[in-house]
Amino acid sequence: WYQRRVRGSDVVFASTPGHLQVFDVKKREHRRVLDITNQNQSTGHVRNKKLSHIDITHFQLSSDGEWLVTVERRDDGFVTPENRLKFWKKEESGYTLRTCIDPPHTKITTSLSLGHTASPTAVTTSTDCTVKVWSCVGEEGSWTLDQTLKHRHGPAYNSVISGDGSVVVVAYKGLVVLYGTDTWEVKAEV
């Protein structure tokens, strides 16, 4: 996975488990590694048992590079799965965690999109049959749940916010639904 930041020449890649790597394409140099999950690094085995790492399943950068949003998951099959949605704000030294939602959904988060409606907005979809809309509020940049959308067609698998922020497109199995961001009502189904 990788994503290019619009401002500047940085590309963000998935790195070792729980980390993202920032690479400057123009200078052809590594800039930094971001520790997203804050977990100890190990070789992966302890006493002949495989260790379960927290995986970054989705990440998005805002078009201006000011926000990094990540989804992480850990499921070792023994304890309750962990799911977190994290919002990071760009600072001089890198990105600082501003909000952590634990858990954002009751089941697996299937997608993450980031855009701008009236304020910076993130949309997550899940196999729990919900689409959640998260908004940035306040001067400190904390994020909160703005809307929970449900549709009769079950789990949502992908989402995207239109460039002008007026529509959120959500993909369900065999169906695409367009939601207007002014009222969060269904505008069209395809």
N, C-alpha and C. Protein backbone atom coordinates (compact mmCIF):
# COMPACT_ATOMS: atom_id res chain seq x y z
N TRP A 1 0.83 -1.18 0.00
CA TRP A 1 0.00 0.00 0.00
C TRP A 1 0.87 1.23 0.00
N TYR A 2 0.48 2.21 -0.71
CA TYR A 2 1.15 3.49 -0.64
C TYR A 2 0.15 4.58 -1.00
N GLN A 3 0.46 5.78 -0.63
CA GLN A 3 -0.35 6.93 -0.99
C GLN A 3 0.55 8.14 -1.12
N ARG A 4 0.37 8.89 -2.15
CA ARG A 4 1.19 10.09 -2.36
C ARG A 4 0.49 11.29 -1.75
N ARG A 5 1.23 12.07 -1.03
CA ARG A 5 0.70 13.30 -0.47
C ARG A 5 0.70 14.36 -1.55
N VAL A 6 -0.37 15.14 -1.63
CA VAL A 6 -0.50 16.13 -2.69
C VAL A 6 0.53 17.25 -2.53
N ARG A 7 0.72 17.75 -1.33
CA ARG A 7 1.68 18.83 -1.11
C ARG A 7 3.05 18.22 -0.87
N GLY A 8 4.01 18.61 -1.65
CA GLY A 8 5.34 18.06 -1.49
C GLY A 8 5.54 16.82 -2.33
N SER A 9 6.57 16.07 -2.02
CA SER A 9 6.91 14.91 -2.82
C SER A 9 6.96 13.63 -2.00
N ASP A 10 6.27 13.62 -0.87
CA ASP A 10 6.30 12.46 0.00
C ASP A 10 5.35 11.36 -0.47
N VAL A 11 5.80 10.12 -0.31
CA VAL A 11 4.98 8.95 -0.53
C VAL A 11 4.96 8.18 0.78
N VAL A 12 3.79 7.70 1.18
CA VAL A 12 3.67 6.95 2.42
C VAL A 12 3.41 5.49 2.08
N PHE A 13 4.21 4.61 2.67
CA PHE A 13 4.11 3.17 2.44
C PHE A 13 3.83 2.44 3.74
N ALA A 14 3.19 1.28 3.64
CA ALA A 14 3.14 0.37 4.78
C ALA A 14 4.57 -0.13 4.97
N SER A 15 4.97 -0.26 6.21
CA SER A 15 6.34 -0.66 6.53
C SER A 15 6.29 -1.94 7.35
N THR A 16 7.14 -2.05 8.36
CA THR A 16 7.08 -3.20 9.26
C THR A 16 5.75 -3.17 9.99
N PRO A 17 5.32 -4.29 10.59
CA PRO A 17 4.02 -4.29 11.26
C PRO A 17 3.85 -3.12 12.23
N GLY A 18 2.75 -2.38 12.05
CA GLY A 18 2.44 -1.27 12.93
C GLY A 18 3.11 0.04 12.57
N HIS A 19 3.80 0.11 11.44
CA HIS A 19 4.54 1.32 11.06
C HIS A 19 4.21 1.74 9.63
N LEU A 20 4.33 3.04 9.38
CA LEU A 20 4.26 3.59 8.04
C LEU A 20 5.59 4.28 7.76
N GLN A 21 6.02 4.21 6.52
CA GLN A 21 7.29 4.81 6.11
C GLN A 21 7.02 5.97 5.17
N VAL A 22 7.72 7.08 5.37
CA VAL A 22 7.59 8.25 4.52
C VAL A 22 8.87 8.37 3.69
N PHE A 23 8.70 8.45 2.38
CA PHE A 23 9.82 8.51 1.44
C PHE A 23 9.66 9.74 0.56
N ASP A 24 10.73 10.53 0.38
CA ASP A 24 10.72 11.70 -0.49
C ASP A 24 11.15 11.26 -1.88
N VAL A 25 10.23 11.32 -2.84
CA VAL A 25 10.50 10.85 -4.20
C VAL A 25 11.50 11.75 -4.92
N LYS A 26 11.37 13.06 -4.73
CA LYS A 26 12.27 13.98 -5.44
C LYS A 26 13.71 13.84 -4.96
N LYS A 27 13.91 13.75 -3.66
CA LYS A 27 15.26 13.64 -3.11
C LYS A 27 15.75 12.21 -3.06
N ARG A 28 14.84 11.26 -3.32
CA ARG A 28 15.16 9.83 -3.27
C ARG A 28 15.78 9.44 -1.94
N GLU A 29 15.06 9.86 -0.86
CA GLU A 29 15.56 9.53 0.47
C GLU A 29 14.42 9.22 1.43
N HIS A 30 14.76 8.38 2.37
CA HIS A 30 13.84 8.02 3.45
C HIS A 30 13.72 9.22 4.39
N ARG A 31 12.49 9.61 4.74
CA ARG A 31 12.31 10.76 5.62
C ARG A 31 12.07 10.35 7.06
N ARG A 32 11.16 9.38 7.27
CA ARG A 32 10.89 8.95 8.65
C ARG A 32 10.03 7.70 8.64
N VAL A 33 10.01 7.04 9.80
CA VAL A 33 9.10 5.92 10.04
C VAL A 33 8.14 6.38 11.12
N LEU A 34 6.85 6.21 10.87
CA LEU A 34 5.82 6.59 11.84
C LEU A 34 5.36 5.35 12.59
N ASP A 35 5.50 5.35 13.91
CA ASP A 35 5.05 4.24 14.74
C ASP A 35 3.57 4.47 15.06
N ILE A 36 2.70 3.76 14.38
CA ILE A 36 1.26 3.96 14.50
C ILE A 36 0.68 3.18 15.68
N THR A 37 1.12 1.95 15.88
CA THR A 37 0.49 1.08 16.87
C THR A 37 1.18 1.10 18.23
N ASN A 38 2.39 1.64 18.30
CA ASN A 38 3.13 1.76 19.56
C ASN A 38 3.27 0.40 20.27
N GLN A 39 3.71 -0.58 19.53
CA GLN A 39 3.92 -1.90 20.11
C GLN A 39 5.39 -2.29 20.01
N ASN A 40 5.83 -3.12 20.90
CA ASN A 40 7.22 -3.59 20.86
C ASN A 40 7.45 -4.43 19.61
N GLN A 41 8.63 -4.31 19.05
CA GLN A 41 8.99 -5.11 17.89
C GLN A 41 9.62 -6.42 18.35
N SER A 42 9.30 -7.48 17.64
CA SER A 42 9.85 -8.79 17.99
C SER A 42 10.13 -9.56 16.71
N THR A 43 10.76 -10.68 16.88
CA THR A 43 11.09 -11.51 15.72
C THR A 43 9.88 -12.26 15.20
N GLY A 44 8.80 -12.29 15.96
CA GLY A 44 7.60 -12.96 15.49
C GLY A 44 7.33 -14.30 16.14
N HIS A 45 8.29 -14.83 16.90
CA HIS A 45 8.09 -16.11 17.56
C HIS A 45 8.63 -16.06 18.99
N VAL A 46 7.89 -16.65 19.90
CA VAL A 46 8.34 -16.80 21.28
C VAL A 46 8.00 -18.22 21.69
N ARG A 47 9.00 -18.96 22.07
CA ARG A 47 8.80 -20.35 22.51
C ARG A 47 7.92 -21.14 21.54
N ASN A 48 8.28 -21.08 20.27
CA ASN A 48 7.60 -21.82 19.20
C ASN A 48 6.16 -21.40 18.97
N LYS A 49 5.78 -20.22 19.44
CA LYS A 49 4.44 -19.69 19.17
C LYS A 49 4.58 -18.40 18.38
N LYS A 50 3.77 -18.28 17.35
CA LYS A 50 3.81 -17.07 16.53
C LYS A 50 3.12 -15.93 17.29
N LEU A 51 3.76 -14.77 17.31
CA LEU A 51 3.18 -13.60 17.94
C LEU A 51 2.23 -12.89 16.97
N SER A 52 1.20 -12.32 17.51
CA SER A 52 0.24 -11.59 16.70
C SER A 52 0.52 -10.10 16.79
N HIS A 53 0.77 -9.48 15.65
CA HIS A 53 1.04 -8.05 15.61
C HIS A 53 -0.24 -7.29 15.31
N ILE A 54 -0.24 -6.01 15.66
CA ILE A 54 -1.33 -5.13 15.25
C ILE A 54 -1.01 -4.68 13.83
N ASP A 55 -1.96 -4.89 12.91
CA ASP A 55 -1.76 -4.53 11.51
C ASP A 55 -2.47 -3.23 11.19
N ILE A 56 -1.84 -2.40 10.40
CA ILE A 56 -2.50 -1.23 9.85
C ILE A 56 -3.24 -1.70 8.61
N THR A 57 -4.56 -1.70 8.66
CA THR A 57 -5.36 -2.23 7.56
C THR A 57 -5.73 -1.17 6.53
N HIS A 58 -5.82 0.10 6.96
CA HIS A 58 -6.15 1.20 6.06
C HIS A 58 -5.45 2.46 6.54
N PHE A 59 -5.07 3.32 5.60
CA PHE A 59 -4.58 4.64 5.97
C PHE A 59 -4.86 5.62 4.84
N GLN A 60 -5.08 6.86 5.22
CA GLN A 60 -5.35 7.92 4.25
C GLN A 60 -4.69 9.21 4.71
N LEU A 61 -4.18 9.97 3.77
CA LEU A 61 -3.68 11.31 4.02
C LEU A 61 -4.66 12.31 3.44
N SER A 62 -4.88 13.42 4.14
CA SER A 62 -5.72 14.47 3.58
C SER A 62 -5.00 15.09 2.39
N SER A 63 -5.75 15.73 1.51
CA SER A 63 -5.16 16.28 0.29
C SER A 63 -4.13 17.37 0.59
N ASP A 64 -4.26 18.04 1.73
CA ASP A 64 -3.28 19.07 2.10
C ASP A 64 -2.15 18.51 2.98
N GLY A 65 -2.22 17.23 3.31
CA GLY A 65 -1.18 16.59 4.11
C GLY A 65 -1.27 16.90 5.59
N GLU A 66 -2.32 17.60 6.03
CA GLU A 66 -2.44 18.00 7.44
C GLU A 66 -2.94 16.87 8.34
N TRP A 67 -3.68 15.91 7.79
CA TRP A 67 -4.24 14.82 8.58
C TRP A 67 -3.83 13.47 8.02
N LEU A 68 -3.50 12.56 8.89
CA LEU A 68 -3.26 11.16 8.57
C LEU A 68 -4.28 10.37 9.40
N VAL A 69 -5.03 9.50 8.75
CA VAL A 69 -6.03 8.68 9.45
C VAL A 69 -5.67 7.22 9.22
N THR A 70 -5.66 6.43 10.30
CA THR A 70 -5.29 5.02 10.20
C THR A 70 -6.35 4.14 10.85
N VAL A 71 -6.46 2.92 10.33
CA VAL A 71 -7.28 1.88 10.94
C VAL A 71 -6.34 0.73 11.24
N GLU A 72 -6.39 0.22 12.46
CA GLU A 72 -5.54 -0.91 12.83
C GLU A 72 -6.38 -2.03 13.43
N ARG A 73 -5.88 -3.25 13.28
CA ARG A 73 -6.61 -4.43 13.76
C ARG A 73 -5.64 -5.48 14.26
N ARG A 74 -6.04 -6.15 15.33
CA ARG A 74 -5.29 -7.29 15.84
C ARG A 74 -6.30 -8.37 16.19
N ASP A 75 -6.10 -9.55 15.63
CA ASP A 75 -6.98 -10.69 15.92
C ASP A 75 -6.13 -11.95 15.92
N ASP A 76 -5.79 -12.42 17.11
CA ASP A 76 -4.96 -13.61 17.22
C ASP A 76 -5.77 -14.89 17.35
N GLY A 77 -7.10 -14.76 17.38
CA GLY A 77 -7.96 -15.93 17.49
C GLY A 77 -8.16 -16.42 18.92
N PHE A 78 -7.49 -15.79 19.87
CA PHE A 78 -7.60 -16.22 21.27
C PHE A 78 -8.34 -15.19 22.13
N VAL A 79 -7.97 -13.94 22.00
CA VAL A 79 -8.62 -12.89 22.78
C VAL A 79 -9.51 -12.06 21.86
N THR A 80 -10.30 -11.20 22.45
CA THR A 80 -11.20 -10.35 21.68
C THR A 80 -10.39 -9.51 20.69
N PRO A 81 -10.81 -9.48 19.42
CA PRO A 81 -10.10 -8.68 18.43
C PRO A 81 -10.06 -7.20 18.82
N GLU A 82 -8.96 -6.53 18.47
CA GLU A 82 -8.81 -5.11 18.72
C GLU A 82 -8.95 -4.36 17.40
N ASN A 83 -9.73 -3.29 17.42
CA ASN A 83 -9.91 -2.43 16.25
C ASN A 83 -9.80 -0.98 16.71
N ARG A 84 -9.01 -0.18 16.00
CA ARG A 84 -8.86 1.24 16.36
C ARG A 84 -8.83 2.10 15.12
N LEU A 85 -9.45 3.27 15.25
CA LEU A 85 -9.40 4.31 14.24
C LEU A 85 -8.65 5.47 14.87
N LYS A 86 -7.56 5.93 14.21
CA LYS A 86 -6.73 6.99 14.79
C LYS A 86 -6.62 8.16 13.82
N PHE A 87 -6.68 9.36 14.41
CA PHE A 87 -6.55 10.60 13.66
C PHE A 87 -5.29 11.31 14.12
N TRP A 88 -4.39 11.58 13.17
CA TRP A 88 -3.08 12.18 13.44
C TRP A 88 -3.00 13.54 12.77
N LYS A 89 -2.50 14.54 13.49
CA LYS A 89 -2.34 15.91 12.98
C LYS A 89 -0.88 16.17 12.67
N LYS A 90 -0.61 16.79 11.52
CA LYS A 90 0.77 17.11 11.14
C LYS A 90 1.34 18.19 12.05
N GLU A 91 2.52 17.92 12.55
CA GLU A 91 3.27 18.88 13.38
C GLU A 91 4.65 19.03 12.74
N GLU A 92 5.47 19.88 13.31
CA GLU A 92 6.83 20.09 12.79
C GLU A 92 7.64 18.79 12.76
N SER A 93 7.50 17.98 13.80
CA SER A 93 8.32 16.78 13.93
C SER A 93 7.69 15.53 13.33
N GLY A 94 6.52 15.66 12.74
CA GLY A 94 5.84 14.49 12.18
C GLY A 94 4.35 14.59 12.42
N TYR A 95 3.74 13.48 12.81
CA TYR A 95 2.30 13.46 13.08
C TYR A 95 2.08 13.14 14.55
N THR A 96 1.12 13.84 15.16
CA THR A 96 0.77 13.65 16.56
C THR A 96 -0.65 13.10 16.65
N LEU A 97 -0.84 12.08 17.47
CA LEU A 97 -2.16 11.48 17.64
C LEU A 97 -3.08 12.48 18.33
N ARG A 98 -4.24 12.74 17.71
CA ARG A 98 -5.22 13.66 18.28
C ARG A 98 -6.45 12.94 18.82
N THR A 99 -6.89 11.87 18.13
CA THR A 99 -8.08 11.14 18.56
C THR A 99 -7.90 9.66 18.27
N CYS A 100 -8.32 8.82 19.21
CA CYS A 100 -8.32 7.37 19.01
C CYS A 100 -9.71 6.84 19.34
N ILE A 101 -10.34 6.17 18.39
CA ILE A 101 -11.67 5.58 18.56
C ILE A 101 -11.46 4.07 18.70
N ASP A 102 -11.90 3.52 19.82
CA ASP A 102 -11.66 2.11 20.12
C ASP A 102 -12.93 1.46 20.65
N PRO A 103 -13.64 0.70 19.86
CA PRO A 103 -13.50 0.39 18.44
C PRO A 103 -14.40 1.30 17.60
N PRO A 104 -14.06 1.52 16.34
CA PRO A 104 -14.92 2.33 15.48
C PRO A 104 -16.16 1.56 15.00
N HIS A 105 -16.05 0.26 14.91
CA HIS A 105 -17.14 -0.61 14.47
C HIS A 105 -17.12 -1.88 15.32
N THR A 106 -18.23 -2.61 15.32
CA THR A 106 -18.30 -3.85 16.09
C THR A 106 -17.68 -5.03 15.34
N LYS A 107 -17.49 -4.88 14.03
CA LYS A 107 -16.85 -5.91 13.23
C LYS A 107 -15.73 -5.28 12.41
N ILE A 108 -15.22 -5.99 11.42
CA ILE A 108 -14.07 -5.54 10.63
C ILE A 108 -14.38 -4.27 9.84
N THR A 109 -13.48 -3.31 9.90
CA THR A 109 -13.58 -2.10 9.09
C THR A 109 -13.07 -2.45 7.69
N THR A 110 -13.92 -2.23 6.69
CA THR A 110 -13.59 -2.65 5.33
C THR A 110 -13.00 -1.54 4.46
N SER A 111 -13.24 -0.27 4.84
CA SER A 111 -12.65 0.82 4.06
C SER A 111 -12.57 2.09 4.88
N LEU A 112 -11.74 2.99 4.40
CA LEU A 112 -11.55 4.31 5.00
C LEU A 112 -11.39 5.31 3.87
N SER A 113 -12.16 6.39 3.91
CA SER A 113 -11.96 7.47 2.95
C SER A 113 -11.88 8.78 3.72
N LEU A 114 -11.19 9.73 3.14
CA LEU A 114 -10.95 11.01 3.80
C LEU A 114 -11.18 12.12 2.80
N GLY A 115 -11.89 13.14 3.22
CA GLY A 115 -12.17 14.27 2.34
C GLY A 115 -12.58 15.48 3.14
N HIS A 116 -13.26 16.39 2.48
CA HIS A 116 -13.66 17.63 3.14
C HIS A 116 -15.10 17.95 2.76
N THR A 117 -15.99 17.96 3.74
CA THR A 117 -17.37 18.42 3.52
C THR A 117 -17.41 19.82 4.13
N ALA A 118 -18.18 20.05 5.19
CA ALA A 118 -18.15 21.34 5.87
C ALA A 118 -16.87 21.47 6.70
N SER A 119 -16.29 20.34 7.07
CA SER A 119 -15.04 20.29 7.83
C SER A 119 -14.31 19.03 7.37
N PRO A 120 -13.06 18.81 7.81
CA PRO A 120 -12.42 17.54 7.46
C PRO A 120 -13.31 16.37 7.89
N THR A 121 -13.48 15.41 6.99
CA THR A 121 -14.42 14.31 7.20
C THR A 121 -13.77 12.99 6.81
N ALA A 122 -14.03 11.95 7.62
CA ALA A 122 -13.60 10.60 7.30
C ALA A 122 -14.84 9.71 7.27
N VAL A 123 -14.81 8.70 6.41
CA VAL A 123 -15.91 7.74 6.31
C VAL A 123 -15.31 6.35 6.44
N THR A 124 -15.89 5.53 7.33
CA THR A 124 -15.48 4.13 7.46
C THR A 124 -16.68 3.25 7.14
N THR A 125 -16.39 2.09 6.53
CA THR A 125 -17.42 1.09 6.27
C THR A 125 -17.02 -0.19 6.98
N SER A 126 -18.02 -1.06 7.18
CA SER A 126 -17.74 -2.25 7.97
C SER A 126 -18.67 -3.40 7.61
N THR A 127 -18.24 -4.59 8.00
CA THR A 127 -19.09 -5.77 7.86
C THR A 127 -20.19 -5.78 8.93
N ASP A 128 -20.20 -4.79 9.83
CA ASP A 128 -21.29 -4.69 10.82
C ASP A 128 -22.51 -3.97 10.23
N CYS A 129 -22.50 -3.75 8.90
CA CYS A 129 -23.61 -3.15 8.16
C CYS A 129 -23.80 -1.66 8.44
N THR A 130 -22.75 -0.98 8.88
CA THR A 130 -22.84 0.45 9.10
C THR A 130 -21.78 1.19 8.28
N VAL A 131 -22.12 2.43 7.98
CA VAL A 131 -21.20 3.39 7.40
C VAL A 131 -21.14 4.51 8.42
N LYS A 132 -19.94 4.85 8.88
CA LYS A 132 -19.81 5.89 9.90
C LYS A 132 -19.07 7.08 9.34
N VAL A 133 -19.60 8.25 9.67
CA VAL A 133 -19.04 9.52 9.22
C VAL A 133 -18.44 10.21 10.44
N TRP A 134 -17.16 10.56 10.34
CA TRP A 134 -16.40 11.17 11.43
C TRP A 134 -16.03 12.58 11.02
N SER A 135 -16.18 13.55 11.94
CA SER A 135 -15.88 14.94 11.63
C SER A 135 -14.89 15.53 12.62
N CYS A 136 -14.07 16.43 12.12
CA CYS A 136 -13.11 17.15 12.95
C CYS A 136 -13.82 18.36 13.57
N VAL A 137 -13.72 18.48 14.89
CA VAL A 137 -14.39 19.58 15.59
C VAL A 137 -13.39 20.28 16.51
N GLY A 138 -13.62 21.56 16.73
CA GLY A 138 -12.81 22.30 17.68
C GLY A 138 -11.45 22.69 17.15
N GLU A 139 -10.86 23.66 17.83
CA GLU A 139 -9.55 24.17 17.43
C GLU A 139 -8.43 23.16 17.65
N GLU A 140 -8.59 22.29 18.64
CA GLU A 140 -7.56 21.28 18.93
C GLU A 140 -7.55 20.13 17.93
N GLY A 141 -8.62 20.04 17.11
CA GLY A 141 -8.65 19.01 16.09
C GLY A 141 -9.04 17.64 16.60
N SER A 142 -10.01 17.58 17.50
CA SER A 142 -10.51 16.27 17.93
C SER A 142 -11.59 15.82 16.95
N TRP A 143 -11.73 14.51 16.81
CA TRP A 143 -12.68 13.92 15.87
C TRP A 143 -13.79 13.22 16.63
N THR A 144 -14.99 13.28 16.07
CA THR A 144 -16.15 12.67 16.71
C THR A 144 -17.06 12.03 15.65
N LEU A 145 -17.87 11.08 16.11
CA LEU A 145 -18.84 10.44 15.22
C LEU A 145 -19.94 11.44 14.89
N ASP A 146 -20.15 11.67 13.60
CA ASP A 146 -21.14 12.63 13.14
C ASP A 146 -22.44 11.93 12.70
N GLN A 147 -22.31 10.83 11.97
CA GLN A 147 -23.46 10.10 11.44
C GLN A 147 -23.18 8.60 11.40
N THR A 148 -24.22 7.80 11.62
CA THR A 148 -24.15 6.36 11.37
C THR A 148 -25.23 6.05 10.35
N LEU A 149 -24.82 5.53 9.21
CA LEU A 149 -25.75 5.22 8.12
C LEU A 149 -25.89 3.72 7.99
N LYS A 150 -27.13 3.27 7.82
CA LYS A 150 -27.40 1.85 7.58
C LYS A 150 -28.21 1.73 6.31
N HIS A 151 -27.98 0.64 5.59
CA HIS A 151 -28.70 0.40 4.35
C HIS A 151 -29.22 -1.02 4.37
N ARG A 152 -30.30 -1.24 3.71
CA ARG A 152 -30.97 -2.56 3.74
C ARG A 152 -30.17 -3.66 3.05
N HIS A 153 -29.09 -3.30 2.34
CA HIS A 153 -28.32 -4.29 1.58
C HIS A 153 -27.16 -4.90 2.33
N GLY A 154 -27.08 -4.70 3.65
CA GLY A 154 -26.06 -5.38 4.44
C GLY A 154 -24.73 -4.67 4.50
N PRO A 155 -23.65 -5.44 4.58
CA PRO A 155 -22.31 -4.86 4.78
C PRO A 155 -21.89 -3.92 3.65
N ALA A 156 -21.18 -2.87 4.03
CA ALA A 156 -20.60 -1.94 3.06
C ALA A 156 -19.13 -2.31 2.90
N TYR A 157 -18.63 -2.22 1.67
CA TYR A 157 -17.28 -2.68 1.40
C TYR A 157 -16.29 -1.59 0.99
N ASN A 158 -16.80 -0.46 0.51
CA ASN A 158 -15.89 0.61 0.10
C ASN A 158 -16.63 1.94 0.11
N SER A 159 -15.86 3.03 0.18
CA SER A 159 -16.46 4.36 0.16
C SER A 159 -15.48 5.35 -0.43
N VAL A 160 -16.03 6.46 -0.91
CA VAL A 160 -15.22 7.58 -1.39
C VAL A 160 -16.03 8.86 -1.20
N ILE A 161 -15.32 9.93 -0.87
CA ILE A 161 -15.94 11.24 -0.73
C ILE A 161 -15.63 12.02 -2.01
N SER A 162 -16.66 12.62 -2.61
CA SER A 162 -16.44 13.37 -3.85
C SER A 162 -15.48 14.53 -3.60
N GLY A 163 -14.85 15.00 -4.67
CA GLY A 163 -13.87 16.07 -4.58
C GLY A 163 -14.41 17.35 -3.96
N ASP A 164 -15.68 17.67 -4.23
CA ASP A 164 -16.27 18.87 -3.65
C ASP A 164 -16.93 18.62 -2.30
N GLY A 165 -16.93 17.36 -1.85
CA GLY A 165 -17.47 17.02 -0.54
C GLY A 165 -18.98 16.97 -0.46
N SER A 166 -19.67 17.02 -1.57
CA SER A 166 -21.14 17.05 -1.55
C SER A 166 -21.78 15.66 -1.54
N VAL A 167 -21.00 14.63 -1.90
CA VAL A 167 -21.54 13.28 -2.01
C VAL A 167 -20.55 12.27 -1.43
N VAL A 168 -21.09 11.27 -0.74
CA VAL A 168 -20.31 10.12 -0.31
C VAL A 168 -20.86 8.92 -1.07
N VAL A 169 -19.99 8.20 -1.75
CA VAL A 169 -20.38 7.02 -2.52
C VAL A 169 -19.97 5.80 -1.72
N VAL A 170 -20.93 4.87 -1.52
CA VAL A 170 -20.67 3.66 -0.74
C VAL A 170 -21.02 2.44 -1.59
N ALA A 171 -20.10 1.46 -1.61
CA ALA A 171 -20.31 0.23 -2.36
C ALA A 171 -20.75 -0.88 -1.42
N TYR A 172 -21.88 -1.47 -1.75
CA TYR A 172 -22.40 -2.65 -1.07
C TYR A 172 -22.29 -3.80 -2.08
N LYS A 173 -22.58 -5.01 -1.68
CA LYS A 173 -22.52 -6.14 -2.60
C LYS A 173 -23.58 -5.93 -3.69
N GLY A 174 -23.11 -5.68 -4.91
CA GLY A 174 -24.00 -5.52 -6.05
C GLY A 174 -24.73 -4.20 -6.11
N LEU A 175 -24.36 -3.22 -5.31
CA LEU A 175 -25.08 -1.95 -5.28
C LEU A 175 -24.15 -0.81 -4.89
N VAL A 176 -24.33 0.34 -5.53
CA VAL A 176 -23.61 1.56 -5.17
C VAL A 176 -24.65 2.59 -4.75
N VAL A 177 -24.42 3.21 -3.58
CA VAL A 177 -25.37 4.20 -3.05
C VAL A 177 -24.66 5.54 -2.90
N LEU A 178 -25.33 6.60 -3.34
CA LEU A 178 -24.82 7.96 -3.21
C LEU A 178 -25.59 8.67 -2.12
N TYR A 179 -24.87 9.16 -1.10
CA TYR A 179 -25.47 9.91 0.00
C TYR A 179 -25.09 11.38 -0.16
N GLY A 180 -26.07 12.28 -0.02
CA GLY A 180 -25.79 13.71 -0.01
C GLY A 180 -25.29 14.10 1.37
N THR A 181 -24.21 14.86 1.44
CA THR A 181 -23.63 15.19 2.74
C THR A 181 -24.37 16.33 3.45
N ASP A 182 -25.31 16.97 2.77
CA ASP A 182 -26.07 18.03 3.43
C ASP A 182 -27.09 17.47 4.41
N THR A 183 -27.76 16.35 4.03
CA THR A 183 -28.78 15.74 4.91
C THR A 183 -28.47 14.28 5.22
N TRP A 184 -27.49 13.70 4.57
CA TRP A 184 -27.12 12.29 4.66
C TRP A 184 -28.25 11.36 4.22
N GLU A 185 -29.09 11.86 3.33
CA GLU A 185 -30.14 11.05 2.70
C GLU A 185 -29.59 10.41 1.43
N VAL A 186 -30.20 9.29 1.04
CA VAL A 186 -29.82 8.61 -0.20
C VAL A 186 -30.23 9.47 -1.39
N LYS A 187 -29.27 9.80 -2.25
CA LYS A 187 -29.54 10.59 -3.44
C LYS A 187 -29.81 9.69 -4.66
N ALA A 188 -29.11 8.56 -4.70
CA ALA A 188 -29.28 7.64 -5.82
C ALA A 188 -28.73 6.26 -5.45
N GLU A 189 -29.28 5.25 -6.15
CA GLU A 189 -28.79 3.88 -6.04
C GLU A 189 -28.54 3.36 -7.43
N VAL A 190 -27.40 2.71 -7.63
CA VAL A 190 -27.05 2.19 -8.94
C VAL A 190 -26.77 0.71 -8.80
